[in-house]
């Protein structure tokens, strides 16, 4: 009879997520993952498989987390203030966890993106962010809060690029005040 698990699988995924986020897929050894998760090697392998399988699970969990964080943008009364709050919170998490950028972007710029399944997970996660931005922008345009000429998908791509550019500004000495100022300028330009 198999013993029941003595750990929270979601908590382990989050700890592994932070390790991959901080070190990148290539820079994160099995030893790093064992240390980060607190699991013995056999438990890690029995539950999640090899490093690649664990990473794919982490990317799926990261996407779920992003979807949860995007929920306030999907409400009928959401506006640019909610978008601004989302972006600042995302930047705050990136700074707090030491990843320097969104895990999807960190992965996209690394060698792991050569793996088709990894790249598909990155693309799907990034697309869900841009889709949430586009849906909000379309509603704001339709409600005449934003100019009618605004093309929601292009605006969403722009805001996704702004968010990731703000990650770079934050990591290169921009400081919170400059990051907020640059974000406000970007939102005014819509």
N, C-alpha and C. Protein backbone atom coordinates (compact mmCIF):
# COMPACT_ATOMS: atom_id res chain seq x y z
N UNK A 1 0.84 -1.18 0.00
CA UNK A 1 0.00 0.00 0.00
C UNK A 1 0.89 1.25 0.00
N UNK A 2 0.60 2.16 -0.90
CA UNK A 2 1.40 3.39 -1.02
C UNK A 2 1.12 4.32 0.15
N UNK A 3 2.18 4.97 0.60
CA UNK A 3 2.02 5.94 1.68
C UNK A 3 1.41 7.21 1.12
N UNK A 4 0.57 7.88 1.93
CA UNK A 4 0.01 9.15 1.46
C UNK A 4 1.12 10.21 1.40
N UNK A 5 0.96 11.14 0.48
CA UNK A 5 1.95 12.23 0.35
C UNK A 5 1.93 13.07 1.62
N UNK A 6 3.12 13.47 2.00
CA UNK A 6 3.24 14.29 3.20
C UNK A 6 3.65 15.72 2.85
N UNK A 7 3.28 16.15 1.65
CA UNK A 7 3.60 17.51 1.24
C UNK A 7 2.48 18.04 0.35
N UNK A 8 2.42 19.35 0.29
CA UNK A 8 1.43 20.03 -0.54
C UNK A 8 2.03 20.20 -1.93
N UNK A 9 1.46 19.53 -2.91
CA UNK A 9 2.01 19.54 -4.27
C UNK A 9 2.07 20.96 -4.85
N UNK A 10 1.03 21.76 -4.58
CA UNK A 10 1.03 23.12 -5.10
C UNK A 10 2.14 23.95 -4.48
N UNK A 11 2.37 23.77 -3.20
CA UNK A 11 3.44 24.50 -2.52
C UNK A 11 4.80 24.11 -3.11
N UNK A 12 4.97 22.84 -3.41
CA UNK A 12 6.22 22.38 -4.02
C UNK A 12 6.40 23.01 -5.40
N UNK A 13 5.31 23.07 -6.18
CA UNK A 13 5.39 23.70 -7.50
C UNK A 13 5.78 25.17 -7.39
N UNK A 14 5.23 25.85 -6.41
CA UNK A 14 5.55 27.27 -6.23
C UNK A 14 7.02 27.44 -5.84
N UNK A 15 7.50 26.59 -4.96
CA UNK A 15 8.92 26.67 -4.59
C UNK A 15 9.84 26.36 -5.77
N UNK A 16 9.45 25.37 -6.56
CA UNK A 16 10.23 25.06 -7.76
C UNK A 16 10.15 26.21 -8.75
N UNK A 17 8.98 26.84 -8.83
CA UNK A 17 8.80 27.98 -9.72
C UNK A 17 9.79 29.10 -9.37
N UNK A 18 9.90 29.40 -8.10
CA UNK A 18 10.81 30.45 -7.67
C UNK A 18 12.25 30.08 -8.02
N UNK A 19 12.62 28.81 -7.82
CA UNK A 19 13.98 28.39 -8.15
C UNK A 19 14.26 28.54 -9.64
N UNK A 20 13.33 28.07 -10.47
CA UNK A 20 13.51 28.22 -11.92
C UNK A 20 13.53 29.69 -12.32
N UNK A 21 12.68 30.47 -11.69
CA UNK A 21 12.57 31.89 -12.01
C UNK A 21 13.88 32.61 -11.71
N UNK A 22 14.46 32.30 -10.57
CA UNK A 22 15.68 32.99 -10.16
C UNK A 22 16.91 32.52 -10.93
N UNK A 23 16.96 31.24 -11.27
CA UNK A 23 18.18 30.69 -11.88
C UNK A 23 18.02 30.38 -13.37
N UNK A 24 16.80 30.38 -13.86
CA UNK A 24 16.55 29.93 -15.22
C UNK A 24 16.55 28.41 -15.26
N UNK A 25 15.97 27.86 -16.30
CA UNK A 25 15.89 26.39 -16.41
C UNK A 25 17.29 25.77 -16.41
N UNK A 26 18.16 26.32 -17.24
CA UNK A 26 19.49 25.74 -17.40
C UNK A 26 20.32 25.89 -16.12
N UNK A 27 20.16 26.98 -15.41
CA UNK A 27 20.95 27.25 -14.22
C UNK A 27 20.44 26.57 -12.97
N UNK A 28 19.33 25.90 -13.07
CA UNK A 28 18.70 25.27 -11.90
C UNK A 28 19.00 23.77 -11.94
N UNK A 29 19.82 23.33 -11.02
CA UNK A 29 20.18 21.91 -10.97
C UNK A 29 19.14 21.13 -10.17
N UNK A 30 19.21 19.83 -10.28
CA UNK A 30 18.32 18.98 -9.46
C UNK A 30 18.60 19.25 -7.98
N UNK A 31 19.85 19.44 -7.64
CA UNK A 31 20.20 19.75 -6.23
C UNK A 31 19.51 21.05 -5.79
N UNK A 32 19.51 22.07 -6.67
CA UNK A 32 18.82 23.32 -6.37
C UNK A 32 17.33 23.07 -6.14
N UNK A 33 16.74 22.23 -6.98
CA UNK A 33 15.31 21.94 -6.87
C UNK A 33 14.99 21.16 -5.60
N UNK A 34 15.85 20.23 -5.25
CA UNK A 34 15.65 19.48 -4.00
C UNK A 34 15.73 20.42 -2.80
N UNK A 35 16.70 21.32 -2.84
CA UNK A 35 16.85 22.29 -1.75
C UNK A 35 15.66 23.24 -1.69
N UNK A 36 15.22 23.71 -2.83
CA UNK A 36 14.10 24.67 -2.88
C UNK A 36 12.80 24.03 -2.43
N UNK A 37 12.57 22.80 -2.84
CA UNK A 37 11.28 22.15 -2.53
C UNK A 37 11.28 21.44 -1.19
N UNK A 38 12.47 21.08 -0.72
CA UNK A 38 12.55 20.33 0.54
C UNK A 38 12.19 18.87 0.38
N UNK A 39 12.06 18.41 -0.85
CA UNK A 39 11.71 17.01 -1.09
C UNK A 39 12.95 16.15 -1.27
N UNK A 40 12.85 14.89 -0.86
CA UNK A 40 13.92 13.95 -1.23
C UNK A 40 13.85 13.68 -2.73
N UNK A 41 14.96 13.31 -3.30
CA UNK A 41 15.07 13.09 -4.75
C UNK A 41 13.98 12.15 -5.26
N UNK A 42 13.77 11.03 -4.59
CA UNK A 42 12.81 10.04 -5.07
C UNK A 42 11.39 10.59 -5.06
N UNK A 43 11.04 11.36 -4.06
CA UNK A 43 9.69 11.96 -4.00
C UNK A 43 9.50 12.95 -5.13
N UNK A 44 10.53 13.72 -5.42
CA UNK A 44 10.45 14.69 -6.51
C UNK A 44 10.23 13.96 -7.83
N UNK A 45 11.02 12.92 -8.09
CA UNK A 45 10.89 12.18 -9.34
C UNK A 45 9.57 11.42 -9.41
N UNK A 46 9.16 10.80 -8.30
CA UNK A 46 7.91 10.03 -8.31
C UNK A 46 6.70 10.91 -8.56
N UNK A 47 6.74 12.12 -8.04
CA UNK A 47 5.58 13.01 -8.15
C UNK A 47 5.59 13.80 -9.45
N UNK A 48 6.74 14.30 -9.85
CA UNK A 48 6.80 15.25 -10.97
C UNK A 48 7.55 14.74 -12.19
N UNK A 49 8.27 13.65 -12.06
CA UNK A 49 9.08 13.17 -13.18
C UNK A 49 10.44 13.84 -13.17
N UNK A 50 11.04 13.96 -14.33
CA UNK A 50 12.37 14.56 -14.42
C UNK A 50 12.28 16.09 -14.38
N UNK A 51 13.42 16.73 -14.49
CA UNK A 51 13.50 18.19 -14.41
C UNK A 51 12.62 18.86 -15.47
N UNK A 52 12.65 18.37 -16.69
CA UNK A 52 11.85 18.94 -17.76
C UNK A 52 10.36 18.83 -17.45
N UNK A 53 9.93 17.67 -16.99
CA UNK A 53 8.51 17.46 -16.66
C UNK A 53 8.10 18.39 -15.52
N UNK A 54 8.96 18.54 -14.54
CA UNK A 54 8.67 19.47 -13.44
C UNK A 54 8.57 20.90 -13.98
N UNK A 55 9.47 21.28 -14.87
CA UNK A 55 9.44 22.63 -15.42
C UNK A 55 8.15 22.88 -16.20
N UNK A 56 7.72 21.90 -16.98
CA UNK A 56 6.45 22.06 -17.70
C UNK A 56 5.28 22.21 -16.73
N UNK A 57 5.31 21.48 -15.63
CA UNK A 57 4.26 21.64 -14.60
C UNK A 57 4.34 23.02 -13.96
N UNK A 58 5.56 23.50 -13.73
CA UNK A 58 5.75 24.84 -13.17
C UNK A 58 5.19 25.90 -14.12
N UNK A 59 5.48 25.77 -15.40
CA UNK A 59 4.96 26.73 -16.37
C UNK A 59 3.42 26.71 -16.40
N UNK A 60 2.83 25.53 -16.28
CA UNK A 60 1.36 25.44 -16.23
C UNK A 60 0.83 26.10 -14.97
N UNK A 61 1.50 25.88 -13.85
CA UNK A 61 1.06 26.50 -12.59
C UNK A 61 1.25 28.01 -12.64
N UNK A 62 2.34 28.45 -13.26
CA UNK A 62 2.58 29.88 -13.41
C UNK A 62 1.46 30.52 -14.22
N UNK A 63 1.07 29.85 -15.29
CA UNK A 63 -0.02 30.39 -16.12
C UNK A 63 -1.31 30.48 -15.32
N UNK A 64 -1.60 29.47 -14.49
CA UNK A 64 -2.79 29.52 -13.63
C UNK A 64 -2.71 30.73 -12.70
N UNK A 65 -1.54 30.94 -12.15
CA UNK A 65 -1.35 32.08 -11.24
C UNK A 65 -1.57 33.40 -11.97
N UNK A 66 -1.05 33.50 -13.18
CA UNK A 66 -1.24 34.70 -13.98
C UNK A 66 -2.72 34.91 -14.26
N UNK A 67 -3.42 33.85 -14.62
CA UNK A 67 -4.86 33.96 -14.88
C UNK A 67 -5.60 34.46 -13.64
N UNK A 68 -5.22 33.96 -12.47
CA UNK A 68 -5.83 34.43 -11.22
C UNK A 68 -5.57 35.92 -11.03
N UNK A 69 -4.34 36.34 -11.31
CA UNK A 69 -3.98 37.75 -11.14
C UNK A 69 -4.68 38.65 -12.16
N UNK A 70 -5.01 38.10 -13.32
CA UNK A 70 -5.69 38.88 -14.36
C UNK A 70 -7.19 39.02 -14.11
N UNK A 71 -7.75 38.25 -13.20
CA UNK A 71 -9.20 38.24 -12.97
C UNK A 71 -9.79 39.64 -12.76
N UNK A 72 -9.15 40.53 -12.00
CA UNK A 72 -9.74 41.87 -11.82
C UNK A 72 -9.87 42.67 -13.12
N UNK A 73 -9.11 42.32 -14.14
CA UNK A 73 -9.21 43.04 -15.42
C UNK A 73 -10.42 42.58 -16.22
N UNK A 74 -11.02 41.48 -15.82
CA UNK A 74 -12.10 40.89 -16.60
C UNK A 74 -13.48 41.29 -16.10
N UNK A 75 -13.55 42.04 -15.02
CA UNK A 75 -14.84 42.46 -14.50
C UNK A 75 -15.45 43.56 -15.34
N UNK A 76 -16.79 43.68 -15.31
CA UNK A 76 -17.46 44.67 -16.16
C UNK A 76 -17.15 46.12 -15.78
N UNK A 77 -16.68 46.34 -14.57
CA UNK A 77 -16.38 47.71 -14.13
C UNK A 77 -14.88 47.98 -14.11
N UNK A 78 -14.08 47.05 -14.63
CA UNK A 78 -12.63 47.24 -14.58
C UNK A 78 -12.22 48.35 -15.54
N UNK A 79 -11.11 48.98 -15.21
CA UNK A 79 -10.64 50.10 -16.02
C UNK A 79 -9.13 50.18 -16.03
N UNK A 80 -8.64 51.32 -16.48
CA UNK A 80 -7.19 51.51 -16.57
C UNK A 80 -6.52 51.47 -15.20
N UNK A 81 -7.24 51.88 -14.17
CA UNK A 81 -6.68 51.79 -12.82
C UNK A 81 -6.40 50.35 -12.43
N UNK A 82 -7.29 49.43 -12.82
CA UNK A 82 -7.07 48.01 -12.55
C UNK A 82 -5.89 47.47 -13.35
N UNK A 83 -5.77 47.93 -14.58
CA UNK A 83 -4.64 47.53 -15.42
C UNK A 83 -3.33 48.03 -14.81
N UNK A 84 -3.31 49.27 -14.38
CA UNK A 84 -2.12 49.85 -13.75
C UNK A 84 -1.76 49.06 -12.50
N UNK A 85 -2.76 48.74 -11.68
CA UNK A 85 -2.53 47.98 -10.45
C UNK A 85 -1.96 46.60 -10.77
N UNK A 86 -2.55 45.94 -11.78
CA UNK A 86 -2.05 44.62 -12.18
C UNK A 86 -0.57 44.70 -12.57
N UNK A 87 -0.24 45.68 -13.40
CA UNK A 87 1.13 45.79 -13.88
C UNK A 87 2.11 46.09 -12.74
N UNK A 88 1.73 46.97 -11.84
CA UNK A 88 2.61 47.28 -10.71
C UNK A 88 2.76 46.08 -9.78
N UNK A 89 1.67 45.34 -9.58
CA UNK A 89 1.76 44.14 -8.74
C UNK A 89 2.65 43.09 -9.39
N UNK A 90 2.52 42.91 -10.70
CA UNK A 90 3.38 41.95 -11.42
C UNK A 90 4.84 42.35 -11.28
N UNK A 91 5.13 43.62 -11.43
CA UNK A 91 6.51 44.10 -11.27
C UNK A 91 6.99 43.91 -9.84
N UNK A 92 6.10 44.09 -8.88
CA UNK A 92 6.46 43.88 -7.48
C UNK A 92 6.82 42.44 -7.20
N UNK A 93 6.04 41.51 -7.74
CA UNK A 93 6.34 40.09 -7.56
C UNK A 93 7.68 39.75 -8.22
N UNK A 94 7.91 40.28 -9.41
CA UNK A 94 9.18 40.02 -10.08
C UNK A 94 10.36 40.51 -9.25
N UNK A 95 10.23 41.69 -8.68
CA UNK A 95 11.31 42.24 -7.85
C UNK A 95 11.49 41.41 -6.57
N UNK A 96 10.37 41.03 -5.97
CA UNK A 96 10.41 40.28 -4.71
C UNK A 96 11.04 38.90 -4.90
N UNK A 97 10.69 38.22 -5.99
CA UNK A 97 11.18 36.86 -6.19
C UNK A 97 12.54 36.82 -6.86
N UNK A 98 13.00 37.97 -7.34
CA UNK A 98 14.34 38.02 -7.91
C UNK A 98 14.46 37.48 -9.31
N UNK A 99 13.33 37.30 -9.99
CA UNK A 99 13.38 36.77 -11.34
C UNK A 99 13.78 37.79 -12.37
N UNK A 100 13.59 39.06 -12.08
CA UNK A 100 14.00 40.11 -13.00
C UNK A 100 13.03 40.39 -14.11
N UNK A 101 12.19 39.45 -14.41
CA UNK A 101 11.19 39.61 -15.46
C UNK A 101 10.17 38.49 -15.25
N UNK A 102 9.16 38.52 -16.04
CA UNK A 102 8.16 37.47 -16.04
C UNK A 102 8.84 36.13 -16.32
N UNK A 103 8.43 35.08 -15.65
CA UNK A 103 9.02 33.76 -15.86
C UNK A 103 8.92 33.35 -17.33
N UNK A 104 7.83 33.73 -17.98
CA UNK A 104 7.67 33.40 -19.40
C UNK A 104 8.73 34.08 -20.24
N UNK A 105 9.02 35.34 -19.94
CA UNK A 105 10.03 36.09 -20.69
C UNK A 105 11.42 35.55 -20.38
N UNK A 106 11.69 35.28 -19.11
CA UNK A 106 12.98 34.70 -18.74
C UNK A 106 13.20 33.41 -19.52
N UNK A 107 12.16 32.59 -19.61
CA UNK A 107 12.26 31.32 -20.32
C UNK A 107 12.40 31.54 -21.83
N UNK A 108 11.66 32.49 -22.37
CA UNK A 108 11.70 32.75 -23.81
C UNK A 108 13.09 33.16 -24.28
N UNK A 109 13.85 33.81 -23.42
CA UNK A 109 15.19 34.26 -23.79
C UNK A 109 16.27 33.23 -23.47
N UNK A 110 15.87 32.10 -22.91
CA UNK A 110 16.85 31.06 -22.57
C UNK A 110 16.82 29.90 -23.54
N UNK A 111 17.82 29.05 -23.45
CA UNK A 111 17.89 27.89 -24.34
C UNK A 111 16.72 26.92 -24.21
N UNK A 112 16.04 26.91 -23.07
CA UNK A 112 14.91 25.98 -22.88
C UNK A 112 13.80 26.25 -23.89
N UNK A 113 13.75 27.45 -24.44
CA UNK A 113 12.71 27.78 -25.41
C UNK A 113 12.87 27.01 -26.72
N UNK A 114 14.01 26.36 -26.91
CA UNK A 114 14.19 25.52 -28.10
C UNK A 114 13.34 24.25 -28.02
N UNK A 115 12.90 23.91 -26.82
CA UNK A 115 12.02 22.75 -26.62
C UNK A 115 10.61 23.17 -27.05
N UNK A 116 10.02 22.49 -28.03
CA UNK A 116 8.71 22.91 -28.54
C UNK A 116 7.61 22.97 -27.48
N UNK A 117 7.63 22.04 -26.53
CA UNK A 117 6.59 22.08 -25.47
C UNK A 117 6.80 23.27 -24.54
N UNK A 118 8.03 23.58 -24.23
CA UNK A 118 8.32 24.74 -23.39
C UNK A 118 7.90 26.01 -24.12
N UNK A 119 8.28 26.12 -25.40
CA UNK A 119 7.92 27.31 -26.16
C UNK A 119 6.41 27.44 -26.29
N UNK A 120 5.71 26.34 -26.46
CA UNK A 120 4.25 26.38 -26.55
C UNK A 120 3.64 26.87 -25.23
N UNK A 121 4.20 26.43 -24.11
CA UNK A 121 3.71 26.89 -22.81
C UNK A 121 3.98 28.38 -22.63
N UNK A 122 5.14 28.85 -23.05
CA UNK A 122 5.49 30.26 -22.97
C UNK A 122 4.53 31.07 -23.84
N UNK A 123 4.35 30.63 -25.08
CA UNK A 123 3.46 31.35 -26.00
C UNK A 123 2.03 31.42 -25.46
N UNK A 124 1.54 30.31 -24.93
CA UNK A 124 0.17 30.27 -24.42
C UNK A 124 0.01 31.19 -23.21
N UNK A 125 0.99 31.20 -22.33
CA UNK A 125 0.91 32.07 -21.16
C UNK A 125 0.94 33.54 -21.55
N UNK A 126 1.85 33.90 -22.45
CA UNK A 126 1.95 35.29 -22.90
C UNK A 126 0.69 35.70 -23.64
N UNK A 127 0.13 34.80 -24.43
CA UNK A 127 -1.10 35.10 -25.17
C UNK A 127 -2.26 35.36 -24.23
N UNK A 128 -2.32 34.65 -23.11
CA UNK A 128 -3.43 34.88 -22.17
C UNK A 128 -3.34 36.27 -21.54
N UNK A 129 -2.13 36.74 -21.29
CA UNK A 129 -1.96 38.10 -20.75
C UNK A 129 -2.40 39.12 -21.80
N UNK A 130 -1.90 38.96 -23.01
CA UNK A 130 -2.26 39.92 -24.07
C UNK A 130 -3.75 39.87 -24.37
N UNK A 131 -4.34 38.69 -24.30
CA UNK A 131 -5.78 38.56 -24.55
C UNK A 131 -6.58 39.31 -23.48
N UNK A 132 -6.18 39.19 -22.23
CA UNK A 132 -6.87 39.92 -21.15
C UNK A 132 -6.72 41.43 -21.35
N UNK A 133 -5.52 41.87 -21.74
CA UNK A 133 -5.32 43.29 -22.01
C UNK A 133 -6.21 43.74 -23.16
N UNK A 134 -6.24 42.96 -24.25
CA UNK A 134 -7.03 43.34 -25.43
C UNK A 134 -8.52 43.40 -25.12
N UNK A 135 -9.00 42.45 -24.34
CA UNK A 135 -10.42 42.42 -23.97
C UNK A 135 -10.79 43.67 -23.18
N UNK A 136 -9.93 44.03 -22.23
CA UNK A 136 -10.18 45.24 -21.44
C UNK A 136 -10.14 46.47 -22.33
N UNK A 137 -9.13 46.58 -23.19
CA UNK A 137 -9.00 47.74 -24.06
C UNK A 137 -10.19 47.86 -25.02
N UNK A 138 -10.66 46.74 -25.53
CA UNK A 138 -11.81 46.77 -26.44
C UNK A 138 -13.05 47.28 -25.70
N UNK A 139 -13.25 46.78 -24.48
CA UNK A 139 -14.41 47.24 -23.72
C UNK A 139 -14.31 48.73 -23.41
N UNK A 140 -13.13 49.19 -23.05
CA UNK A 140 -12.94 50.61 -22.75
C UNK A 140 -13.11 51.46 -24.01
N UNK A 141 -12.68 50.94 -25.14
CA UNK A 141 -12.89 51.65 -26.41
C UNK A 141 -14.38 51.69 -26.74
N UNK A 142 -15.05 50.55 -26.61
CA UNK A 142 -16.48 50.49 -26.92
C UNK A 142 -17.30 51.37 -25.98
N UNK A 143 -16.83 51.52 -24.73
CA UNK A 143 -17.50 52.39 -23.76
C UNK A 143 -17.07 53.86 -23.89
N UNK A 144 -16.24 54.13 -24.91
CA UNK A 144 -15.75 55.47 -25.22
C UNK A 144 -14.88 56.08 -24.13
N UNK A 145 -14.24 55.20 -23.36
CA UNK A 145 -13.25 55.66 -22.37
C UNK A 145 -11.92 55.90 -23.08
N UNK A 146 -11.65 55.09 -24.09
CA UNK A 146 -10.44 55.22 -24.90
C UNK A 146 -10.84 55.61 -26.32
N UNK A 147 -9.93 56.18 -27.08
CA UNK A 147 -10.26 56.60 -28.45
C UNK A 147 -10.72 55.42 -29.31
N UNK A 148 -11.66 55.70 -30.19
CA UNK A 148 -12.20 54.66 -31.05
C UNK A 148 -11.13 54.09 -31.97
N UNK A 149 -10.15 54.89 -32.34
CA UNK A 149 -9.10 54.45 -33.26
C UNK A 149 -8.19 53.39 -32.64
N UNK A 150 -8.23 53.24 -31.34
CA UNK A 150 -7.38 52.26 -30.68
C UNK A 150 -7.71 50.85 -31.17
N UNK A 151 -6.72 50.14 -31.62
CA UNK A 151 -6.89 48.74 -32.03
C UNK A 151 -6.51 47.90 -30.82
N UNK A 152 -7.45 47.19 -30.20
CA UNK A 152 -7.20 46.50 -28.94
C UNK A 152 -6.03 45.51 -28.96
N UNK A 153 -5.89 44.73 -30.02
CA UNK A 153 -4.79 43.75 -30.05
C UNK A 153 -3.44 44.45 -30.12
N UNK A 154 -3.34 45.48 -30.93
CA UNK A 154 -2.07 46.23 -31.01
C UNK A 154 -1.80 46.92 -29.67
N UNK A 155 -2.84 47.47 -29.06
CA UNK A 155 -2.68 48.09 -27.75
C UNK A 155 -2.23 47.08 -26.71
N UNK A 156 -2.78 45.88 -26.78
CA UNK A 156 -2.38 44.82 -25.84
C UNK A 156 -0.92 44.42 -26.04
N UNK A 157 -0.51 44.30 -27.30
CA UNK A 157 0.90 43.99 -27.58
C UNK A 157 1.81 45.09 -27.03
N UNK A 158 1.40 46.33 -27.24
CA UNK A 158 2.15 47.47 -26.74
C UNK A 158 2.28 47.41 -25.22
N UNK A 159 1.16 47.15 -24.53
CA UNK A 159 1.19 47.10 -23.07
C UNK A 159 2.00 45.92 -22.56
N UNK A 160 1.96 44.81 -23.27
CA UNK A 160 2.79 43.66 -22.89
C UNK A 160 4.27 44.03 -23.01
N UNK A 161 4.61 44.72 -24.09
CA UNK A 161 5.99 45.17 -24.27
C UNK A 161 6.37 46.20 -23.20
N UNK A 162 5.44 47.09 -22.87
CA UNK A 162 5.69 48.07 -21.82
C UNK A 162 5.95 47.37 -20.50
N UNK A 163 5.10 46.42 -20.14
CA UNK A 163 5.26 45.69 -18.88
C UNK A 163 6.65 45.05 -18.80
N UNK A 164 7.05 44.41 -19.88
CA UNK A 164 8.35 43.75 -19.85
C UNK A 164 9.50 44.73 -19.96
N UNK A 165 9.29 45.86 -20.61
CA UNK A 165 10.29 46.91 -20.61
C UNK A 165 10.44 47.54 -19.22
N UNK A 166 9.33 47.65 -18.52
CA UNK A 166 9.39 48.18 -17.15
C UNK A 166 10.17 47.24 -16.24
N UNK A 167 10.11 45.94 -16.52
CA UNK A 167 10.93 44.98 -15.77
C UNK A 167 12.40 45.32 -15.94
N UNK A 168 12.78 45.63 -17.17
CA UNK A 168 14.18 46.00 -17.44
C UNK A 168 14.54 47.31 -16.74
N UNK A 169 13.64 48.29 -16.82
CA UNK A 169 13.88 49.58 -16.14
C UNK A 169 14.06 49.36 -14.64
N UNK A 170 13.20 48.54 -14.08
CA UNK A 170 13.25 48.24 -12.65
C UNK A 170 14.58 47.59 -12.27
N UNK A 171 15.08 46.68 -13.12
CA UNK A 171 16.31 45.96 -12.83
C UNK A 171 17.57 46.74 -13.13
N UNK A 172 17.43 47.86 -13.83
CA UNK A 172 18.63 48.63 -14.20
C UNK A 172 18.66 49.98 -13.50
N UNK A 173 18.11 50.02 -12.31
CA UNK A 173 18.22 51.22 -11.49
C UNK A 173 17.14 52.25 -11.68
N UNK A 174 16.07 51.93 -12.37
CA UNK A 174 15.00 52.90 -12.61
C UNK A 174 14.29 53.34 -11.34
N UNK A 175 14.18 52.46 -10.38
CA UNK A 175 13.51 52.79 -9.13
C UNK A 175 12.00 52.86 -9.28
N UNK A 176 11.29 52.67 -8.18
CA UNK A 176 9.82 52.60 -8.22
C UNK A 176 9.16 53.86 -8.79
N UNK A 177 9.69 55.00 -8.46
CA UNK A 177 9.08 56.25 -8.93
C UNK A 177 9.15 56.38 -10.45
N UNK A 178 10.31 56.07 -11.01
CA UNK A 178 10.47 56.15 -12.47
C UNK A 178 9.64 55.08 -13.17
N UNK A 179 9.55 53.90 -12.57
CA UNK A 179 8.73 52.84 -13.15
C UNK A 179 7.27 53.29 -13.21
N UNK A 180 6.75 53.82 -12.11
CA UNK A 180 5.35 54.30 -12.08
C UNK A 180 5.15 55.43 -13.09
N UNK A 181 6.11 56.33 -13.17
CA UNK A 181 6.00 57.43 -14.11
C UNK A 181 5.97 56.95 -15.55
N UNK A 182 6.82 56.00 -15.88
CA UNK A 182 6.86 55.45 -17.24
C UNK A 182 5.57 54.69 -17.54
N UNK A 183 5.06 53.96 -16.58
CA UNK A 183 3.79 53.24 -16.77
C UNK A 183 2.65 54.23 -17.00
N UNK A 184 2.61 55.28 -16.21
CA UNK A 184 1.55 56.27 -16.38
C UNK A 184 1.62 56.93 -17.77
N UNK A 185 2.84 57.19 -18.22
CA UNK A 185 3.01 57.78 -19.57
C UNK A 185 2.49 56.82 -20.63
N UNK A 186 2.79 55.54 -20.47
CA UNK A 186 2.32 54.54 -21.44
C UNK A 186 0.80 54.45 -21.44
N UNK A 187 0.19 54.47 -20.28
CA UNK A 187 -1.28 54.38 -20.21
C UNK A 187 -1.94 55.65 -20.81
N UNK A 188 -1.31 56.80 -20.61
CA UNK A 188 -1.84 58.03 -21.20
C UNK A 188 -1.75 58.02 -22.72
N UNK A 189 -0.80 57.27 -23.25
CA UNK A 189 -0.59 57.27 -24.70
C UNK A 189 -1.62 56.40 -25.46
N UNK A 190 -2.42 55.68 -24.73
CA UNK A 190 -3.40 54.81 -25.41
C UNK A 190 -4.44 55.60 -26.17
